[in-house]
Amino acid sequence: MANLLRQRTLAKLFGDGLTGAAAAAAFGWFIDQARDAARKDPERLDVSQLRPGETYLVTTRPAMNRAERRLDQQASKLSARVERDARPSRAARRTARRLAKGQRRLDSATPGSRRAAKRQVRVDVLGSRVNRQVALTQRQRRRADQSDDISRQRAELRDRSIESARKKARPPRSRRFT
């Protein structure tokens, strides 16, 4: 009934043509998005089989404060940057492919022959080149260390907020299942 009423109202407002249909679709989409945003579906945290006499304690974590949100944002930016830095470059991937090809060719050569010795030298050179190309620079190592420090600080703040939530005089949020 509500859909029919909405369609008729939109048809009168925007007309019956293509523009009216597009406006009705956009309006319907907007309403669906607002409804989904407002809907609070229950979230399943755990499924446990409890025996008689066992207890299950659920402690809810307080909302993040400004410092935690700031550290969370910094950590996400730094971790994205560290991941981007850790990806091998095109040259490193090309050299790694050459190294793999050289190792296959070395395996097919007769051990102890001159051909095997030449191929071994090539594999050694390519291996050292790949190691140089993949090695992290000082700036990349510094970023990784910063990311670790921020993650540690964020964990400390989270632990402190959970501890402060436990210290408050609240009724216990546990149920005894029998």
N, C-alpha and C. Protein backbone atom coordinates (compact mmCIF):
# COMPACT_ATOMS: atom_id res chain seq x y z
N MET A 1 0.81 -1.19 0.00
CA MET A 1 0.00 0.00 0.00
C MET A 1 0.86 1.26 0.00
N ALA A 2 1.92 1.23 0.85
CA ALA A 2 2.80 2.39 0.93
C ALA A 2 3.55 2.60 -0.39
N ASN A 3 3.93 1.48 -1.04
CA ASN A 3 4.63 1.59 -2.32
C ASN A 3 3.72 2.21 -3.38
N LEU A 4 2.48 1.77 -3.41
CA LEU A 4 1.53 2.29 -4.39
C LEU A 4 1.29 3.78 -4.16
N LEU A 5 1.12 4.17 -2.92
CA LEU A 5 0.92 5.57 -2.59
C LEU A 5 2.15 6.40 -2.98
N ARG A 6 3.35 5.86 -2.68
CA ARG A 6 4.57 6.57 -3.04
C ARG A 6 4.70 6.71 -4.55
N GLN A 7 4.39 5.65 -5.30
CA GLN A 7 4.49 5.70 -6.76
C GLN A 7 3.53 6.72 -7.35
N ARG A 8 2.32 6.75 -6.83
CA ARG A 8 1.34 7.72 -7.35
C ARG A 8 1.75 9.15 -7.04
N THR A 9 2.26 9.36 -5.83
CA THR A 9 2.71 10.70 -5.46
C THR A 9 3.87 11.14 -6.33
N LEU A 10 4.84 10.27 -6.55
CA LEU A 10 5.99 10.60 -7.39
C LEU A 10 5.58 10.81 -8.85
N ALA A 11 4.59 10.01 -9.32
CA ALA A 11 4.11 10.17 -10.69
C ALA A 11 3.45 11.54 -10.86
N LYS A 12 2.70 11.98 -9.86
CA LYS A 12 2.08 13.31 -9.95
C LYS A 12 3.12 14.41 -9.85
N LEU A 13 4.14 14.16 -9.04
CA LEU A 13 5.16 15.18 -8.82
C LEU A 13 6.10 15.31 -10.02
N PHE A 14 6.58 14.17 -10.57
CA PHE A 14 7.56 14.21 -11.64
C PHE A 14 7.01 13.85 -13.00
N GLY A 15 5.79 13.34 -13.08
CA GLY A 15 5.20 12.95 -14.35
C GLY A 15 5.32 11.46 -14.57
N ASP A 16 4.64 10.98 -15.65
CA ASP A 16 4.61 9.54 -15.93
C ASP A 16 5.71 9.08 -16.87
N GLY A 17 6.50 9.97 -17.40
CA GLY A 17 7.49 9.60 -18.40
C GLY A 17 8.75 8.98 -17.81
N LEU A 18 9.81 9.03 -18.61
CA LEU A 18 11.09 8.46 -18.22
C LEU A 18 11.69 9.20 -17.03
N THR A 19 11.51 10.51 -16.99
CA THR A 19 12.03 11.30 -15.88
C THR A 19 11.35 10.91 -14.58
N GLY A 20 10.05 10.69 -14.63
CA GLY A 20 9.31 10.27 -13.43
C GLY A 20 9.78 8.91 -12.94
N ALA A 21 9.99 7.98 -13.89
CA ALA A 21 10.45 6.65 -13.51
C ALA A 21 11.84 6.71 -12.89
N ALA A 22 12.73 7.52 -13.47
CA ALA A 22 14.08 7.66 -12.92
C ALA A 22 14.04 8.30 -11.54
N ALA A 23 13.21 9.32 -11.37
CA ALA A 23 13.10 9.97 -10.07
C ALA A 23 12.52 9.02 -9.03
N ALA A 24 11.53 8.22 -9.41
CA ALA A 24 10.94 7.25 -8.48
C ALA A 24 11.96 6.19 -8.08
N ALA A 25 12.77 5.75 -9.05
CA ALA A 25 13.79 4.75 -8.75
C ALA A 25 14.84 5.33 -7.80
N ALA A 26 15.27 6.55 -8.05
CA ALA A 26 16.26 7.19 -7.19
C ALA A 26 15.70 7.40 -5.79
N PHE A 27 14.46 7.82 -5.70
CA PHE A 27 13.82 8.04 -4.40
C PHE A 27 13.69 6.72 -3.64
N GLY A 28 13.30 5.68 -4.35
CA GLY A 28 13.19 4.36 -3.72
C GLY A 28 14.53 3.85 -3.24
N TRP A 29 15.57 4.05 -4.04
CA TRP A 29 16.91 3.64 -3.64
C TRP A 29 17.36 4.39 -2.39
N PHE A 30 17.08 5.70 -2.35
CA PHE A 30 17.46 6.51 -1.20
C PHE A 30 16.75 6.02 0.07
N ILE A 31 15.48 5.71 -0.05
CA ILE A 31 14.72 5.22 1.11
C ILE A 31 15.27 3.87 1.57
N ASP A 32 15.60 2.99 0.62
CA ASP A 32 16.17 1.69 0.99
C ASP A 32 17.50 1.84 1.70
N GLN A 33 18.34 2.77 1.22
CA GLN A 33 19.64 2.99 1.87
C GLN A 33 19.46 3.54 3.28
N ALA A 34 18.52 4.46 3.45
CA ALA A 34 18.27 5.02 4.78
C ALA A 34 17.74 3.94 5.71
N ARG A 35 16.89 3.09 5.22
CA ARG A 35 16.34 2.00 6.04
C ARG A 35 17.44 1.03 6.45
N ASP A 36 18.33 0.69 5.51
CA ASP A 36 19.44 -0.22 5.84
C ASP A 36 20.39 0.40 6.85
N ALA A 37 20.62 1.70 6.74
CA ALA A 37 21.52 2.37 7.69
C ALA A 37 20.92 2.41 9.08
N ALA A 38 19.61 2.54 9.18
CA ALA A 38 18.96 2.64 10.48
C ALA A 38 18.71 1.27 11.10
N ARG A 39 18.73 0.22 10.30
CA ARG A 39 18.42 -1.12 10.80
C ARG A 39 19.58 -1.63 11.66
N LYS A 40 19.26 -2.14 12.81
CA LYS A 40 20.26 -2.70 13.72
C LYS A 40 20.00 -4.20 13.84
N ASP A 41 20.60 -4.95 12.97
CA ASP A 41 20.45 -6.40 13.04
C ASP A 41 21.31 -6.95 14.16
N PRO A 42 20.86 -7.99 14.84
CA PRO A 42 21.69 -8.57 15.89
C PRO A 42 22.94 -9.20 15.26
N GLU A 43 24.02 -9.10 15.99
CA GLU A 43 25.29 -9.62 15.49
C GLU A 43 25.67 -10.85 16.30
N ARG A 44 25.98 -11.94 15.63
CA ARG A 44 26.34 -13.17 16.31
C ARG A 44 27.83 -13.13 16.62
N LEU A 45 28.16 -13.15 17.88
CA LEU A 45 29.54 -13.08 18.31
C LEU A 45 30.17 -14.45 18.48
N ASP A 46 29.41 -15.37 19.05
CA ASP A 46 29.99 -16.67 19.37
C ASP A 46 28.87 -17.69 19.49
N VAL A 47 29.17 -18.90 19.16
CA VAL A 47 28.25 -20.01 19.36
C VAL A 47 29.00 -21.01 20.22
N SER A 48 28.58 -21.15 21.46
CA SER A 48 29.28 -22.02 22.39
C SER A 48 28.31 -23.04 22.97
N GLN A 49 28.83 -24.22 23.20
CA GLN A 49 28.06 -25.26 23.87
C GLN A 49 28.46 -25.24 25.34
N LEU A 50 27.56 -24.80 26.20
CA LEU A 50 27.85 -24.72 27.63
C LEU A 50 27.20 -25.89 28.34
N ARG A 51 27.91 -26.38 29.36
CA ARG A 51 27.38 -27.45 30.19
C ARG A 51 26.73 -26.83 31.42
N PRO A 52 25.88 -27.54 32.09
CA PRO A 52 25.25 -26.99 33.29
C PRO A 52 26.30 -26.57 34.31
N GLY A 53 26.14 -25.34 34.83
CA GLY A 53 27.07 -24.80 35.81
C GLY A 53 28.14 -23.91 35.21
N GLU A 54 28.36 -23.96 33.91
CA GLU A 54 29.35 -23.10 33.27
C GLU A 54 28.77 -21.71 33.06
N THR A 55 29.63 -20.71 33.10
CA THR A 55 29.18 -19.34 32.86
C THR A 55 29.89 -18.79 31.64
N TYR A 56 29.28 -17.78 31.10
CA TYR A 56 29.82 -17.13 29.90
C TYR A 56 29.73 -15.63 30.15
N LEU A 57 30.86 -14.94 30.18
CA LEU A 57 30.89 -13.52 30.49
C LEU A 57 31.17 -12.74 29.22
N VAL A 58 30.32 -11.77 28.91
CA VAL A 58 30.50 -10.91 27.75
C VAL A 58 30.72 -9.50 28.27
N THR A 59 31.87 -8.93 27.95
CA THR A 59 32.16 -7.55 28.33
C THR A 59 32.16 -6.71 27.07
N THR A 60 31.36 -5.68 27.06
CA THR A 60 31.30 -4.82 25.88
C THR A 60 32.36 -3.74 25.99
N ARG A 61 32.98 -3.44 24.89
CA ARG A 61 34.03 -2.45 24.86
C ARG A 61 33.41 -1.07 24.69
N PRO A 62 33.88 -0.09 25.46
CA PRO A 62 33.34 1.26 25.28
C PRO A 62 33.71 1.83 23.90
N ALA A 63 32.98 2.83 23.48
CA ALA A 63 33.26 3.45 22.19
C ALA A 63 34.65 4.08 22.20
N MET A 64 35.26 4.16 21.01
CA MET A 64 36.60 4.72 20.92
C MET A 64 36.57 6.21 21.22
N ASN A 65 37.59 6.68 21.94
CA ASN A 65 37.68 8.11 22.20
C ASN A 65 38.48 8.77 21.07
N ARG A 66 38.69 10.06 21.18
CA ARG A 66 39.33 10.80 20.10
C ARG A 66 40.77 10.32 19.85
N ALA A 67 41.51 10.06 20.92
CA ALA A 67 42.90 9.61 20.75
C ALA A 67 42.94 8.26 20.04
N GLU A 68 42.04 7.36 20.40
CA GLU A 68 42.01 6.05 19.75
C GLU A 68 41.63 6.18 18.28
N ARG A 69 40.66 7.02 17.98
CA ARG A 69 40.26 7.21 16.58
C ARG A 69 41.41 7.80 15.77
N ARG A 70 42.13 8.76 16.37
CA ARG A 70 43.26 9.38 15.67
C ARG A 70 44.36 8.34 15.41
N LEU A 71 44.69 7.54 16.43
CA LEU A 71 45.70 6.50 16.24
C LEU A 71 45.25 5.45 15.24
N ASP A 72 43.96 5.14 15.25
CA ASP A 72 43.44 4.16 14.29
C ASP A 72 43.59 4.67 12.87
N GLN A 73 43.29 5.95 12.67
CA GLN A 73 43.42 6.54 11.34
C GLN A 73 44.89 6.57 10.90
N GLN A 74 45.78 6.95 11.81
CA GLN A 74 47.21 6.96 11.48
C GLN A 74 47.70 5.56 11.15
N ALA A 75 47.26 4.58 11.94
CA ALA A 75 47.70 3.20 11.72
C ALA A 75 47.23 2.69 10.37
N SER A 76 46.00 3.00 10.00
CA SER A 76 45.50 2.52 8.72
C SER A 76 46.26 3.16 7.56
N LYS A 77 46.56 4.46 7.66
CA LYS A 77 47.33 5.11 6.60
C LYS A 77 48.73 4.54 6.50
N LEU A 78 49.38 4.36 7.66
CA LEU A 78 50.75 3.84 7.64
C LEU A 78 50.80 2.40 7.16
N SER A 79 49.83 1.58 7.58
CA SER A 79 49.86 0.19 7.15
C SER A 79 49.64 0.08 5.64
N ALA A 80 48.78 0.94 5.10
CA ALA A 80 48.58 0.95 3.64
C ALA A 80 49.86 1.35 2.94
N ARG A 81 50.56 2.34 3.50
CA ARG A 81 51.82 2.79 2.90
C ARG A 81 52.89 1.71 2.99
N VAL A 82 52.96 1.02 4.14
CA VAL A 82 53.95 -0.04 4.31
C VAL A 82 53.67 -1.19 3.34
N GLU A 83 52.39 -1.54 3.16
CA GLU A 83 52.05 -2.58 2.19
C GLU A 83 52.44 -2.18 0.78
N ARG A 84 52.20 -0.91 0.43
CA ARG A 84 52.56 -0.42 -0.89
C ARG A 84 54.08 -0.46 -1.07
N ASP A 85 54.82 -0.09 -0.01
CA ASP A 85 56.28 -0.11 -0.10
C ASP A 85 56.82 -1.54 -0.22
N ALA A 86 56.13 -2.50 0.39
CA ALA A 86 56.63 -3.87 0.41
C ALA A 86 56.42 -4.59 -0.92
N ARG A 87 55.53 -4.06 -1.76
CA ARG A 87 55.29 -4.71 -3.05
C ARG A 87 56.53 -4.58 -3.93
N PRO A 88 56.93 -5.65 -4.60
CA PRO A 88 58.11 -5.57 -5.46
C PRO A 88 57.83 -4.72 -6.70
N SER A 89 58.84 -4.04 -7.16
CA SER A 89 58.70 -3.20 -8.34
C SER A 89 58.64 -4.07 -9.60
N ARG A 90 58.36 -3.43 -10.71
CA ARG A 90 58.32 -4.15 -11.98
C ARG A 90 59.69 -4.73 -12.32
N ALA A 91 60.74 -3.96 -12.05
CA ALA A 91 62.10 -4.45 -12.32
C ALA A 91 62.43 -5.65 -11.44
N ALA A 92 62.00 -5.61 -10.18
CA ALA A 92 62.28 -6.73 -9.29
C ALA A 92 61.54 -7.98 -9.75
N ARG A 93 60.30 -7.82 -10.20
CA ARG A 93 59.55 -8.98 -10.69
C ARG A 93 60.20 -9.54 -11.96
N ARG A 94 60.65 -8.66 -12.83
CA ARG A 94 61.31 -9.12 -14.06
C ARG A 94 62.59 -9.86 -13.72
N THR A 95 63.38 -9.33 -12.80
CA THR A 95 64.63 -9.99 -12.41
C THR A 95 64.33 -11.32 -11.74
N ALA A 96 63.26 -11.39 -10.95
CA ALA A 96 62.90 -12.66 -10.31
C ALA A 96 62.49 -13.70 -11.35
N ARG A 97 61.79 -13.27 -12.39
CA ARG A 97 61.46 -14.21 -13.47
C ARG A 97 62.72 -14.71 -14.17
N ARG A 98 63.67 -13.80 -14.41
CA ARG A 98 64.94 -14.22 -15.03
C ARG A 98 65.69 -15.20 -14.12
N LEU A 99 65.64 -14.93 -12.82
CA LEU A 99 66.31 -15.82 -11.86
C LEU A 99 65.66 -17.21 -11.88
N ALA A 100 64.34 -17.26 -11.91
CA ALA A 100 63.66 -18.56 -11.95
C ALA A 100 64.01 -19.31 -13.23
N LYS A 101 64.07 -18.58 -14.35
CA LYS A 101 64.45 -19.22 -15.61
C LYS A 101 65.88 -19.72 -15.56
N GLY A 102 66.76 -18.90 -14.98
CA GLY A 102 68.16 -19.32 -14.85
C GLY A 102 68.31 -20.54 -13.95
N GLN A 103 67.53 -20.62 -12.89
CA GLN A 103 67.60 -21.79 -12.01
C GLN A 103 67.09 -23.05 -12.71
N ARG A 104 66.06 -22.90 -13.54
CA ARG A 104 65.58 -24.06 -14.30
C ARG A 104 66.65 -24.52 -15.29
N ARG A 105 67.29 -23.56 -15.93
CA ARG A 105 68.34 -23.91 -16.90
C ARG A 105 69.54 -24.55 -16.19
N LEU A 106 69.84 -24.05 -14.98
CA LEU A 106 70.95 -24.63 -14.22
C LEU A 106 70.62 -26.07 -13.82
N ASP A 107 69.38 -26.34 -13.48
CA ASP A 107 68.99 -27.70 -13.10
C ASP A 107 69.10 -28.66 -14.27
N SER A 108 68.90 -28.15 -15.50
CA SER A 108 68.97 -29.03 -16.67
C SER A 108 70.41 -29.27 -17.13
N ALA A 109 71.36 -28.47 -16.64
CA ALA A 109 72.75 -28.63 -17.07
C ALA A 109 73.40 -29.79 -16.30
N THR A 110 74.41 -30.38 -16.93
CA THR A 110 75.15 -31.47 -16.29
C THR A 110 76.00 -30.90 -15.17
N PRO A 111 75.88 -31.45 -13.96
CA PRO A 111 76.66 -30.92 -12.84
C PRO A 111 78.17 -31.05 -13.11
N GLY A 112 78.92 -29.99 -12.80
CA GLY A 112 80.37 -30.00 -12.98
C GLY A 112 80.85 -29.57 -14.35
N SER A 113 79.93 -29.35 -15.29
CA SER A 113 80.34 -28.94 -16.63
C SER A 113 80.59 -27.43 -16.68
N ARG A 114 81.23 -26.99 -17.77
CA ARG A 114 81.47 -25.56 -17.93
C ARG A 114 80.15 -24.81 -18.08
N ARG A 115 79.19 -25.40 -18.77
CA ARG A 115 77.88 -24.78 -18.95
C ARG A 115 77.19 -24.58 -17.60
N ALA A 116 77.28 -25.59 -16.73
CA ALA A 116 76.68 -25.48 -15.40
C ALA A 116 77.37 -24.39 -14.58
N ALA A 117 78.68 -24.25 -14.74
CA ALA A 117 79.42 -23.22 -14.00
C ALA A 117 78.99 -21.83 -14.46
N LYS A 118 78.85 -21.64 -15.80
CA LYS A 118 78.40 -20.35 -16.32
C LYS A 118 76.99 -20.02 -15.84
N ARG A 119 76.13 -21.02 -15.86
CA ARG A 119 74.76 -20.79 -15.41
C ARG A 119 74.69 -20.52 -13.91
N GLN A 120 75.58 -21.13 -13.14
CA GLN A 120 75.62 -20.89 -11.70
C GLN A 120 76.03 -19.45 -11.41
N VAL A 121 77.00 -18.93 -12.17
CA VAL A 121 77.42 -17.54 -12.00
C VAL A 121 76.26 -16.61 -12.31
N ARG A 122 75.52 -16.90 -13.37
CA ARG A 122 74.37 -16.06 -13.74
C ARG A 122 73.30 -16.09 -12.65
N VAL A 123 73.02 -17.28 -12.11
CA VAL A 123 72.02 -17.40 -11.04
C VAL A 123 72.47 -16.61 -9.81
N ASP A 124 73.76 -16.67 -9.47
CA ASP A 124 74.27 -15.93 -8.31
C ASP A 124 74.12 -14.42 -8.50
N VAL A 125 74.46 -13.94 -9.71
CA VAL A 125 74.34 -12.51 -10.00
C VAL A 125 72.88 -12.06 -9.93
N LEU A 126 72.00 -12.83 -10.55
CA LEU A 126 70.58 -12.47 -10.53
C LEU A 126 70.01 -12.55 -9.11
N GLY A 127 70.45 -13.53 -8.32
CA GLY A 127 69.98 -13.65 -6.94
C GLY A 127 70.37 -12.44 -6.10
N SER A 128 71.60 -11.98 -6.24
CA SER A 128 72.03 -10.80 -5.47
C SER A 128 71.29 -9.55 -5.96
N ARG A 129 71.01 -9.47 -7.27
CA ARG A 129 70.28 -8.33 -7.80
C ARG A 129 68.84 -8.30 -7.27
N VAL A 130 68.18 -9.46 -7.22
CA VAL A 130 66.83 -9.52 -6.67
C VAL A 130 66.83 -9.11 -5.21
N ASN A 131 67.81 -9.58 -4.45
CA ASN A 131 67.89 -9.22 -3.03
C ASN A 131 68.05 -7.71 -2.85
N ARG A 132 68.86 -7.08 -3.69
CA ARG A 132 69.04 -5.63 -3.60
C ARG A 132 67.75 -4.89 -3.96
N GLN A 133 67.04 -5.38 -4.98
CA GLN A 133 65.83 -4.69 -5.44
C GLN A 133 64.67 -4.85 -4.46
N VAL A 134 64.64 -5.94 -3.74
CA VAL A 134 63.53 -6.20 -2.83
C VAL A 134 63.81 -5.65 -1.43
N ALA A 135 65.07 -5.37 -1.10
CA ALA A 135 65.42 -4.90 0.24
C ALA A 135 64.72 -3.57 0.54
N LEU A 136 64.29 -3.42 1.78
CA LEU A 136 63.62 -2.19 2.20
C LEU A 136 64.64 -1.06 2.38
N THR A 137 64.22 0.13 2.00
CA THR A 137 65.08 1.28 2.22
C THR A 137 64.96 1.72 3.67
N GLN A 138 65.81 2.68 4.04
CA GLN A 138 65.78 3.17 5.42
C GLN A 138 64.44 3.83 5.74
N ARG A 139 63.90 4.58 4.79
CA ARG A 139 62.61 5.23 4.98
C ARG A 139 61.49 4.20 5.16
N GLN A 140 61.53 3.12 4.37
CA GLN A 140 60.51 2.08 4.48
C GLN A 140 60.60 1.36 5.82
N ARG A 141 61.84 1.11 6.29
CA ARG A 141 62.00 0.49 7.61
C ARG A 141 61.49 1.41 8.71
N ARG A 142 61.74 2.71 8.55
CA ARG A 142 61.27 3.68 9.54
C ARG A 142 59.73 3.70 9.58
N ARG A 143 59.10 3.65 8.41
CA ARG A 143 57.64 3.61 8.36
C ARG A 143 57.10 2.34 9.02
N ALA A 144 57.75 1.22 8.77
CA ALA A 144 57.30 -0.03 9.39
C ALA A 144 57.42 0.06 10.92
N ASP A 145 58.52 0.64 11.39
CA ASP A 145 58.69 0.82 12.84
C ASP A 145 57.63 1.76 13.41
N GLN A 146 57.32 2.84 12.69
CA GLN A 146 56.27 3.76 13.13
C GLN A 146 54.92 3.04 13.20
N SER A 147 54.66 2.21 12.22
CA SER A 147 53.40 1.47 12.20
C SER A 147 53.31 0.54 13.41
N ASP A 148 54.42 -0.12 13.74
CA ASP A 148 54.44 -0.99 14.92
C ASP A 148 54.23 -0.19 16.20
N ASP A 149 54.87 0.98 16.31
CA ASP A 149 54.70 1.82 17.50
C ASP A 149 53.26 2.29 17.66
N ILE A 150 52.65 2.72 16.57
CA ILE A 150 51.27 3.20 16.63
C ILE A 150 50.33 2.05 16.99
N SER A 151 50.58 0.87 16.45
CA SER A 151 49.75 -0.28 16.79
C SER A 151 49.87 -0.62 18.27
N ARG A 152 51.08 -0.52 18.80
CA ARG A 152 51.30 -0.79 20.22
C ARG A 152 50.58 0.26 21.07
N GLN A 153 50.69 1.53 20.70
CA GLN A 153 50.01 2.59 21.45
C GLN A 153 48.50 2.41 21.41
N ARG A 154 47.99 2.02 20.24
CA ARG A 154 46.55 1.81 20.09
C ARG A 154 46.09 0.65 20.97
N ALA A 155 46.89 -0.41 21.04
CA ALA A 155 46.53 -1.55 21.89
C ALA A 155 46.55 -1.15 23.36
N GLU A 156 47.53 -0.31 23.75
CA GLU A 156 47.59 0.14 25.15
C GLU A 156 46.36 0.99 25.49
N LEU A 157 45.98 1.90 24.60
CA LEU A 157 44.79 2.72 24.85
C LEU A 157 43.53 1.85 24.94
N ARG A 158 43.44 0.86 24.07
CA ARG A 158 42.29 -0.03 24.08
C ARG A 158 42.23 -0.81 25.39
N ASP A 159 43.38 -1.31 25.84
CA ASP A 159 43.40 -2.05 27.11
C ASP A 159 43.00 -1.16 28.28
N ARG A 160 43.50 0.09 28.26
CA ARG A 160 43.14 1.02 29.34
C ARG A 160 41.65 1.31 29.34
N SER A 161 41.06 1.49 28.16
CA SER A 161 39.62 1.80 28.12
C SER A 161 38.80 0.60 28.56
N ILE A 162 39.23 -0.61 28.23
CA ILE A 162 38.51 -1.80 28.68
C ILE A 162 38.64 -1.95 30.19
N GLU A 163 39.83 -1.67 30.73
CA GLU A 163 40.02 -1.74 32.18
C GLU A 163 39.14 -0.72 32.89
N SER A 164 39.07 0.49 32.35
CA SER A 164 38.24 1.51 32.99
C SER A 164 36.76 1.13 32.90
N ALA A 165 36.36 0.44 31.84
CA ALA A 165 34.97 -0.01 31.72
C ALA A 165 34.68 -1.10 32.75
N ARG A 166 35.67 -1.92 33.03
CA ARG A 166 35.46 -2.99 34.02
C ARG A 166 35.40 -2.44 35.43
N LYS A 167 36.06 -1.32 35.69
CA LYS A 167 36.11 -0.76 37.04
C LYS A 167 34.80 -0.09 37.42
N LYS A 168 34.01 0.32 36.44
CA LYS A 168 32.76 1.01 36.74
C LYS A 168 31.78 0.03 37.40
N ALA A 169 30.98 0.55 38.32
CA ALA A 169 30.02 -0.27 39.02
C ALA A 169 28.80 -0.49 38.13
N ARG A 170 28.82 -1.56 37.40
CA ARG A 170 27.72 -1.92 36.53
C ARG A 170 27.23 -3.30 36.93
N PRO A 171 25.98 -3.57 36.67
CA PRO A 171 25.53 -4.94 36.95
C PRO A 171 26.25 -5.90 36.00
N PRO A 172 26.56 -7.08 36.46
CA PRO A 172 27.27 -8.03 35.59
C PRO A 172 26.41 -8.41 34.39
N ARG A 173 27.07 -8.50 33.26
CA ARG A 173 26.37 -8.84 32.03
C ARG A 173 26.67 -10.28 31.67
N SER A 174 26.38 -11.16 32.57
CA SER A 174 26.61 -12.57 32.29
C SER A 174 25.34 -13.33 32.54
N ARG A 175 25.21 -14.43 31.88
CA ARG A 175 24.05 -15.29 32.04
C ARG A 175 24.54 -16.68 32.36
N ARG A 176 23.80 -17.35 33.18
CA ARG A 176 24.12 -18.72 33.50
C ARG A 176 23.17 -19.61 32.71
N PHE A 177 23.75 -20.43 31.86
CA PHE A 177 22.96 -21.33 31.05
C PHE A 177 22.92 -22.69 31.72
N THR A 178 21.78 -23.22 31.85
CA THR A 178 21.66 -24.54 32.49
C THR A 178 21.05 -25.54 31.55
